[in-house]
């Protein structure tokens, strides 16, 4: 799927050349010459990266970036600027930009930096979509669980229980916590539903003599970890 880039540049010739080059490279591209319009478009958070000129009409690039970061929109930003002093670059990078490219620039360098930035972002998102504990791995994107080379088939409730444990690995999880977070139950129903689910999950995780990962902490609850 093509990556979606917003180009914010007030010089019409420069903007046109960037858009043409990125389109030829396979990116989807939107563009604007105005800072306020850039903020409006970028606030939707649908872009994979933003190429942002510092000197813009109505709202400068640094203000655009500050406004985005203030509302937790973390789209990667590559700043384009003729301001080439060290303090200018430091200010740009410490204010939330991932990269800073000085004008005039080579289009090949801009494209290379953009690819690196977008690929790094994609890898980060991929890592966030995986939860692990030892040789146990849960893929949240494809809803799959694997231990070593073995795929593990889980029922929806079992998947939710394991996901909760993986998000809180090495922490003691009580029965009440599981009832509330997985079963959405504020009170104890007085059944062994938790114990039965843990037992089934443990059998699937520790099939074929695998090292135990899901431990019972007597008098406290359960813990997922490589050490008890």
C-alpha atoms as a PDB file:
ATOM      1  CA  UNK A   1       0.000   0.000   0.000  1.00  0.00           C
ATOM      2  CA  UNK A   2       1.516   3.380  -0.990  1.00  0.00           C
ATOM      3  CA  UNK A   3       2.636   5.681   1.810  1.00  0.00           C
ATOM      4  CA  UNK A   4       0.716   8.941   2.122  1.00  0.00           C
ATOM      5  CA  UNK A   5       2.813  12.125   2.339  1.00  0.00           C
ATOM      6  CA  UNK A   6       1.832  15.741   2.998  1.00  0.00           C
ATOM      7  CA  UNK A   7       4.141  18.299   1.385  1.00  0.00           C
ATOM      8  CA  UNK A   8       3.976  21.784   2.944  1.00  0.00           C
ATOM      9  CA  UNK A   9       6.009  24.278   0.926  1.00  0.00           C
ATOM     10  CA  UNK A  10       5.119  27.853  -0.030  1.00  0.00           C
ATOM     11  CA  UNK A  11       7.446  28.093  -3.030  1.00  0.00           C
ATOM     12  CA  UNK A  12       5.334  26.865  -5.923  1.00  0.00           C
ATOM     13  CA  UNK A  13       8.228  25.609  -8.057  1.00  0.00           C
ATOM     14  CA  UNK A  14       9.851  23.704  -5.195  1.00  0.00           C
ATOM     15  CA  UNK A  15       6.533  22.232  -4.105  1.00  0.00           C
ATOM     16  CA  UNK A  16       5.719  21.102  -7.647  1.00  0.00           C
ATOM     17  CA  UNK A  17       9.112  19.393  -8.065  1.00  0.00           C
ATOM     18  CA  UNK A  18       8.807  17.592  -4.726  1.00  0.00           C
ATOM     19  CA  UNK A  19       5.295  16.372  -5.487  1.00  0.00           C
ATOM     20  CA  UNK A  20       6.337  15.115  -8.927  1.00  0.00           C
ATOM     21  CA  UNK A  21       9.409  13.329  -7.562  1.00  0.00           C
ATOM     22  CA  UNK A  22       7.510  11.648  -4.716  1.00  0.00           C
ATOM     23  CA  UNK A  23       4.666  10.610  -6.999  1.00  0.00           C
ATOM     24  CA  UNK A  24       7.169   9.060  -9.402  1.00  0.00           C
ATOM     25  CA  UNK A  25       8.683   7.241  -6.423  1.00  0.00           C
ATOM     26  CA  UNK A  26       5.313   5.628  -5.664  1.00  0.00           C
ATOM     27  CA  UNK A  27       4.090   7.814  -2.801  1.00  0.00           C
ATOM     28  CA  UNK A  28       0.587   9.242  -2.553  1.00  0.00           C
ATOM     29  CA  UNK A  29       0.978  12.992  -2.106  1.00  0.00           C
ATOM     30  CA  UNK A  30      -1.131  15.914  -0.935  1.00  0.00           C
ATOM     31  CA  UNK A  31       0.338  19.414  -0.822  1.00  0.00           C
ATOM     32  CA  UNK A  32      -0.321  22.908   0.435  1.00  0.00           C
ATOM     33  CA  UNK A  33       1.473  26.252   0.605  1.00  0.00           C
ATOM     34  CA  UNK A  34      -0.255  27.501   3.759  1.00  0.00           C
ATOM     35  CA  UNK A  35       0.528  26.755   7.400  1.00  0.00           C
ATOM     36  CA  UNK A  36      -3.044  26.819   8.661  1.00  0.00           C
ATOM     37  CA  UNK A  37      -4.225  24.565   5.864  1.00  0.00           C
ATOM     38  CA  UNK A  38      -1.334  22.211   6.640  1.00  0.00           C
ATOM     39  CA  UNK A  39      -2.439  22.036  10.282  1.00  0.00           C
ATOM     40  CA  UNK A  40      -6.026  21.354   9.215  1.00  0.00           C
ATOM     41  CA  UNK A  41      -5.000  18.536   6.881  1.00  0.00           C
ATOM     42  CA  UNK A  42      -2.405  17.001   9.202  1.00  0.00           C
ATOM     43  CA  UNK A  43      -4.750  17.053  12.213  1.00  0.00           C
ATOM     44  CA  UNK A  44      -6.635  14.122  10.729  1.00  0.00           C
ATOM     45  CA  UNK A  45      -3.501  12.037  11.368  1.00  0.00           C
ATOM     46  CA  UNK A  46      -3.879  10.072   8.137  1.00  0.00           C
ATOM     47  CA  UNK A  47      -0.426  10.827   6.698  1.00  0.00           C
ATOM     48  CA  UNK A  48       2.583   8.540   7.034  1.00  0.00           C
ATOM     49  CA  UNK A  49       4.963  11.535   6.980  1.00  0.00           C
ATOM     50  CA  UNK A  50       5.001  15.311   6.537  1.00  0.00           C
ATOM     51  CA  UNK A  51       7.586  17.361   4.647  1.00  0.00           C
ATOM     52  CA  UNK A  52       7.340  20.762   6.304  1.00  0.00           C
ATOM     53  CA  UNK A  53       8.876  24.090   5.300  1.00  0.00           C
ATOM     54  CA  UNK A  54       9.683  26.343   8.259  1.00  0.00           C
ATOM     55  CA  UNK A  55       8.802  29.685   6.676  1.00  0.00           C
ATOM     56  CA  UNK A  56       5.110  29.609   5.733  1.00  0.00           C
ATOM     57  CA  UNK A  57       2.282  32.123   5.389  1.00  0.00           C
ATOM     58  CA  UNK A  58      -0.394  32.371   8.145  1.00  0.00           C
ATOM     59  CA  UNK A  59       1.357  29.871  10.447  1.00  0.00           C
ATOM     60  CA  UNK A  60       5.038  28.930  10.383  1.00  0.00           C
ATOM     61  CA  UNK A  61       6.231  25.348  10.241  1.00  0.00           C
ATOM     62  CA  UNK A  62       7.420  25.183  13.843  1.00  0.00           C
ATOM     63  CA  UNK A  63       4.004  26.343  15.056  1.00  0.00           C
ATOM     64  CA  UNK A  64       2.308  23.717  12.875  1.00  0.00           C
ATOM     65  CA  UNK A  65       4.464  20.975  14.355  1.00  0.00           C
ATOM     66  CA  UNK A  66       3.981  22.239  17.929  1.00  0.00           C
ATOM     67  CA  UNK A  67       0.203  22.250  17.467  1.00  0.00           C
ATOM     68  CA  UNK A  68       0.246  18.669  16.143  1.00  0.00           C
ATOM     69  CA  UNK A  69       2.414  17.391  18.975  1.00  0.00           C
ATOM     70  CA  UNK A  70       0.201  19.183  21.518  1.00  0.00           C
ATOM     71  CA  UNK A  71      -2.738  16.999  20.496  1.00  0.00           C
ATOM     72  CA  UNK A  72      -0.593  13.828  20.355  1.00  0.00           C
ATOM     73  CA  UNK A  73      -0.410  13.527  16.567  1.00  0.00           C
ATOM     74  CA  UNK A  74       2.995  11.936  16.141  1.00  0.00           C
ATOM     75  CA  UNK A  75       3.225  11.784  12.342  1.00  0.00           C
ATOM     76  CA  UNK A  76       6.949  11.921  11.431  1.00  0.00           C
ATOM     77  CA  UNK A  77       8.040  15.357  10.220  1.00  0.00           C
ATOM     78  CA  UNK A  78      10.967  16.214   7.949  1.00  0.00           C
ATOM     79  CA  UNK A  79      11.684  19.944   8.120  1.00  0.00           C
ATOM     80  CA  UNK A  80      12.876  21.773   5.008  1.00  0.00           C
ATOM     81  CA  UNK A  81      14.568  25.095   5.698  1.00  0.00           C
ATOM     82  CA  UNK A  82      17.109  27.580   4.457  1.00  0.00           C
ATOM     83  CA  UNK A  83      17.961  28.227   8.124  1.00  0.00           C
ATOM     84  CA  UNK A  84      21.205  26.296   8.324  1.00  0.00           C
ATOM     85  CA  UNK A  85      22.801  27.248  11.636  1.00  0.00           C
ATOM     86  CA  UNK A  86      23.418  24.506  14.203  1.00  0.00           C
ATOM     87  CA  UNK A  87      20.986  26.113  16.645  1.00  0.00           C
ATOM     88  CA  UNK A  88      18.277  26.153  13.967  1.00  0.00           C
ATOM     89  CA  UNK A  89      18.697  22.446  13.309  1.00  0.00           C
ATOM     90  CA  UNK A  90      18.842  21.626  17.017  1.00  0.00           C
ATOM     91  CA  UNK A  91      15.654  23.605  17.643  1.00  0.00           C
ATOM     92  CA  UNK A  92      13.859  21.791  14.847  1.00  0.00           C
ATOM     93  CA  UNK A  93      14.910  18.340  15.999  1.00  0.00           C
ATOM     94  CA  UNK A  94      14.272  18.924  19.689  1.00  0.00           C
ATOM     95  CA  UNK A  95      10.834  20.363  18.932  1.00  0.00           C
ATOM     96  CA  UNK A  96       9.585  17.081  17.511  1.00  0.00           C
ATOM     97  CA  UNK A  97      10.930  16.713  13.970  1.00  0.00           C
ATOM     98  CA  UNK A  98      12.483  13.406  12.947  1.00  0.00           C
ATOM     99  CA  UNK A  99      14.781  14.988  10.364  1.00  0.00           C
ATOM    100  CA  UNK A 100      15.982  18.387   9.134  1.00  0.00           C
ATOM    101  CA  UNK A 101      17.119  19.046   5.572  1.00  0.00           C
ATOM    102  CA  UNK A 102      18.711  22.329   4.532  1.00  0.00           C
ATOM    103  CA  UNK A 103      17.804  24.180   1.324  1.00  0.00           C
ATOM    104  CA  UNK A 104      18.967  23.970  -1.367  1.00  0.00           C
ATOM    105  CA  UNK A 105      18.814  20.175  -1.300  1.00  0.00           C
ATOM    106  CA  UNK A 106      19.254  17.267  -3.688  1.00  0.00           C
ATOM    107  CA  UNK A 107      15.965  15.539  -4.490  1.00  0.00           C
ATOM    108  CA  UNK A 108      17.639  12.132  -4.222  1.00  0.00           C
ATOM    109  CA  UNK A 109      18.671  12.935  -0.648  1.00  0.00           C
ATOM    110  CA  UNK A 110      15.174  14.091   0.267  1.00  0.00           C
ATOM    111  CA  UNK A 111      13.674  10.862  -1.081  1.00  0.00           C
ATOM    112  CA  UNK A 112      16.290   8.727   0.687  1.00  0.00           C
ATOM    113  CA  UNK A 113      15.662  10.467   4.010  1.00  0.00           C
ATOM    114  CA  UNK A 114      11.903  10.154   3.565  1.00  0.00           C
ATOM    115  CA  UNK A 115      12.142   6.418   2.846  1.00  0.00           C
ATOM    116  CA  UNK A 116      14.289   5.928   5.939  1.00  0.00           C
ATOM    117  CA  UNK A 117      11.872   7.882   8.113  1.00  0.00           C
ATOM    118  CA  UNK A 118       8.770   6.081   6.837  1.00  0.00           C
ATOM    119  CA  UNK A 119      10.403   2.637   7.029  1.00  0.00           C
ATOM    120  CA  UNK A 120      11.546   3.307  10.587  1.00  0.00           C
ATOM    121  CA  UNK A 121       7.995   4.294  11.478  1.00  0.00           C
ATOM    122  CA  UNK A 122       6.557   1.152   9.882  1.00  0.00           C
ATOM    123  CA  UNK A 123       9.014  -1.026  11.800  1.00  0.00           C
ATOM    124  CA  UNK A 124       8.090   0.691  15.051  1.00  0.00           C
ATOM    125  CA  UNK A 125       4.400   0.047  14.424  1.00  0.00           C
ATOM    126  CA  UNK A 126       5.141  -3.574  13.569  1.00  0.00           C
ATOM    127  CA  UNK A 127       7.040  -4.015  16.826  1.00  0.00           C
ATOM    128  CA  UNK A 128       4.134  -2.501  18.755  1.00  0.00           C
ATOM    129  CA  UNK A 129       1.813  -5.050  17.163  1.00  0.00           C
ATOM    130  CA  UNK A 130       3.811  -7.935  18.669  1.00  0.00           C
ATOM    131  CA  UNK A 131       3.827  -9.046  22.287  1.00  0.00           C
ATOM    132  CA  UNK A 132       6.447 -11.527  23.461  1.00  0.00           C
ATOM    133  CA  UNK A 133       7.580 -13.526  26.466  1.00  0.00           C
ATOM    134  CA  UNK A 134      10.543 -15.805  25.933  1.00  0.00           C
ATOM    135  CA  UNK A 135       9.808 -17.850  22.800  1.00  0.00           C
ATOM    136  CA  UNK A 136       6.095 -17.005  22.980  1.00  0.00           C
ATOM    137  CA  UNK A 137       4.894 -14.396  20.469  1.00  0.00           C
ATOM    138  CA  UNK A 138       1.469 -12.854  19.878  1.00  0.00           C
ATOM    139  CA  UNK A 139       0.804 -11.038  16.598  1.00  0.00           C
ATOM    140  CA  UNK A 140      -2.018  -8.560  17.234  1.00  0.00           C
ATOM    141  CA  UNK A 141      -2.333  -7.617  13.570  1.00  0.00           C
ATOM    142  CA  UNK A 142      -3.015 -11.130  12.297  1.00  0.00           C
ATOM    143  CA  UNK A 143      -4.441 -12.475  15.576  1.00  0.00           C
ATOM    144  CA  UNK A 144      -1.928 -15.311  15.759  1.00  0.00           C
ATOM    145  CA  UNK A 145       0.058 -16.912  18.567  1.00  0.00           C
ATOM    146  CA  UNK A 146       3.254 -18.898  18.149  1.00  0.00           C
ATOM    147  CA  UNK A 147       5.624 -20.587  20.572  1.00  0.00           C
ATOM    148  CA  UNK A 148       8.968 -21.361  18.993  1.00  0.00           C
ATOM    149  CA  UNK A 149       8.103 -23.004  15.670  1.00  0.00           C
ATOM    150  CA  UNK A 150       4.658 -24.119  16.852  1.00  0.00           C
ATOM    151  CA  UNK A 151       1.425 -22.271  16.046  1.00  0.00           C
ATOM    152  CA  UNK A 152      -1.066 -22.178  18.920  1.00  0.00           C
ATOM    153  CA  UNK A 153      -4.799 -22.076  18.191  1.00  0.00           C
ATOM    154  CA  UNK A 154      -6.688 -20.059  20.789  1.00  0.00           C
ATOM    155  CA  UNK A 155     -10.359 -19.355  21.316  1.00  0.00           C
ATOM    156  CA  UNK A 156     -11.281 -15.628  21.447  1.00  0.00           C
ATOM    157  CA  UNK A 157     -11.479 -15.575  25.257  1.00  0.00           C
ATOM    158  CA  UNK A 158      -8.189 -17.430  25.577  1.00  0.00           C
ATOM    159  CA  UNK A 159      -6.589 -14.892  23.242  1.00  0.00           C
ATOM    160  CA  UNK A 160      -7.853 -12.013  25.413  1.00  0.00           C
ATOM    161  CA  UNK A 161      -6.558 -13.648  28.579  1.00  0.00           C
ATOM    162  CA  UNK A 162      -3.136 -14.241  27.064  1.00  0.00           C
ATOM    163  CA  UNK A 163      -2.986 -10.722  25.626  1.00  0.00           C
ATOM    164  CA  UNK A 164      -3.692  -9.295  29.085  1.00  0.00           C
ATOM    165  CA  UNK A 165      -0.924 -11.401  30.598  1.00  0.00           C
ATOM    166  CA  UNK A 166       1.530 -10.408  27.853  1.00  0.00           C
ATOM    167  CA  UNK A 167       0.777  -6.723  28.355  1.00  0.00           C
ATOM    168  CA  UNK A 168       1.525  -7.207  32.050  1.00  0.00           C
ATOM    169  CA  UNK A 169       4.311  -9.780  31.838  1.00  0.00           C
ATOM    170  CA  UNK A 170       6.230 -10.489  35.048  1.00  0.00           C
ATOM    171  CA  UNK A 171       3.429  -8.881  37.071  1.00  0.00           C
ATOM    172  CA  UNK A 172       1.141 -10.747  39.460  1.00  0.00           C
ATOM    173  CA  UNK A 173      -2.399 -10.728  38.045  1.00  0.00           C
ATOM    174  CA  UNK A 174      -5.221 -11.431  40.491  1.00  0.00           C
ATOM    175  CA  UNK A 175      -8.431 -13.287  39.799  1.00  0.00           C
ATOM    176  CA  UNK A 176     -10.389 -10.060  40.311  1.00  0.00           C
ATOM    177  CA  UNK A 177      -8.233  -8.252  37.722  1.00  0.00           C
ATOM    178  CA  UNK A 178      -8.908 -10.940  35.130  1.00  0.00           C
ATOM    179  CA  UNK A 179     -12.642 -10.925  35.835  1.00  0.00           C
ATOM    180  CA  UNK A 180     -12.799  -7.160  35.378  1.00  0.00           C
ATOM    181  CA  UNK A 181     -10.473  -6.776  32.389  1.00  0.00           C
ATOM    182  CA  UNK A 182     -11.323  -9.911  30.383  1.00  0.00           C
ATOM    183  CA  UNK A 183     -14.865 -10.796  31.452  1.00  0.00           C
ATOM    184  CA  UNK A 184     -15.933  -7.186  32.197  1.00  0.00           C
ATOM    185  CA  UNK A 185     -17.283  -8.425  35.495  1.00  0.00           C
ATOM    186  CA  UNK A 186     -17.148  -6.111  38.520  1.00  0.00           C
ATOM    187  CA  UNK A 187     -18.067  -8.862  41.009  1.00  0.00           C
ATOM    188  CA  UNK A 188     -17.005 -12.440  41.638  1.00  0.00           C
ATOM    189  CA  UNK A 189     -19.616 -14.770  40.123  1.00  0.00           C
ATOM    190  CA  UNK A 190     -18.543 -17.528  42.491  1.00  0.00           C
ATOM    191  CA  UNK A 191     -17.536 -19.942  39.723  1.00  0.00           C
ATOM    192  CA  UNK A 192     -14.216 -21.427  38.625  1.00  0.00           C
ATOM    193  CA  UNK A 193     -14.375 -19.725  35.195  1.00  0.00           C
ATOM    194  CA  UNK A 194     -10.971 -18.075  35.648  1.00  0.00           C
ATOM    195  CA  UNK A 195      -9.272 -21.210  36.900  1.00  0.00           C
ATOM    196  CA  UNK A 196     -10.726 -23.285  34.058  1.00  0.00           C
ATOM    197  CA  UNK A 197      -9.590 -20.750  31.447  1.00  0.00           C
ATOM    198  CA  UNK A 198      -6.083 -20.593  32.917  1.00  0.00           C
ATOM    199  CA  UNK A 199      -5.868 -24.395  32.930  1.00  0.00           C
ATOM    200  CA  UNK A 200      -6.844 -24.667  29.251  1.00  0.00           C
ATOM    201  CA  UNK A 201      -4.491 -21.865  28.273  1.00  0.00           C
ATOM    202  CA  UNK A 202      -1.610 -23.382  30.200  1.00  0.00           C
ATOM    203  CA  UNK A 203      -2.054 -26.746  28.462  1.00  0.00           C
ATOM    204  CA  UNK A 204      -1.872 -25.067  25.047  1.00  0.00           C
ATOM    205  CA  UNK A 205       1.157 -22.953  25.935  1.00  0.00           C
ATOM    206  CA  UNK A 206       3.112 -25.770  27.564  1.00  0.00           C
ATOM    207  CA  UNK A 207       2.357 -28.582  25.152  1.00  0.00           C
ATOM    208  CA  UNK A 208       5.253 -30.880  24.159  1.00  0.00           C
ATOM    209  CA  UNK A 209       7.129 -30.252  27.404  1.00  0.00           C
ATOM    210  CA  UNK A 210       7.764 -26.519  26.857  1.00  0.00           C
ATOM    211  CA  UNK A 211       9.214 -24.509  29.710  1.00  0.00           C
ATOM    212  CA  UNK A 212       6.404 -23.212  31.969  1.00  0.00           C
ATOM    213  CA  UNK A 213       5.512 -19.576  31.369  1.00  0.00           C
ATOM    214  CA  UNK A 214       2.158 -19.185  33.118  1.00  0.00           C
ATOM    215  CA  UNK A 215       2.713 -19.563  36.860  1.00  0.00           C
ATOM    216  CA  UNK A 216       0.307 -19.804  39.772  1.00  0.00           C
ATOM    217  CA  UNK A 217       1.381 -17.538  42.630  1.00  0.00           C
ATOM    218  CA  UNK A 218      -0.212 -19.217  45.634  1.00  0.00           C
ATOM    219  CA  UNK A 219      -2.482 -16.906  47.572  1.00  0.00           C
ATOM    220  CA  UNK A 220      -2.021 -14.051  45.086  1.00  0.00           C
ATOM    221  CA  UNK A 221      -2.916 -14.928  41.513  1.00  0.00           C
ATOM    222  CA  UNK A 222      -0.982 -15.689  38.336  1.00  0.00           C
ATOM    223  CA  UNK A 223       2.088 -14.435  36.540  1.00  0.00           C
ATOM    224  CA  UNK A 224       3.373 -14.796  32.966  1.00  0.00           C
ATOM    225  CA  UNK A 225       7.143 -14.829  32.759  1.00  0.00           C
ATOM    226  CA  UNK A 226      10.241 -16.862  32.027  1.00  0.00           C
ATOM    227  CA  UNK A 227      10.979 -16.941  35.766  1.00  0.00           C
ATOM    228  CA  UNK A 228       8.578 -17.718  38.561  1.00  0.00           C
END
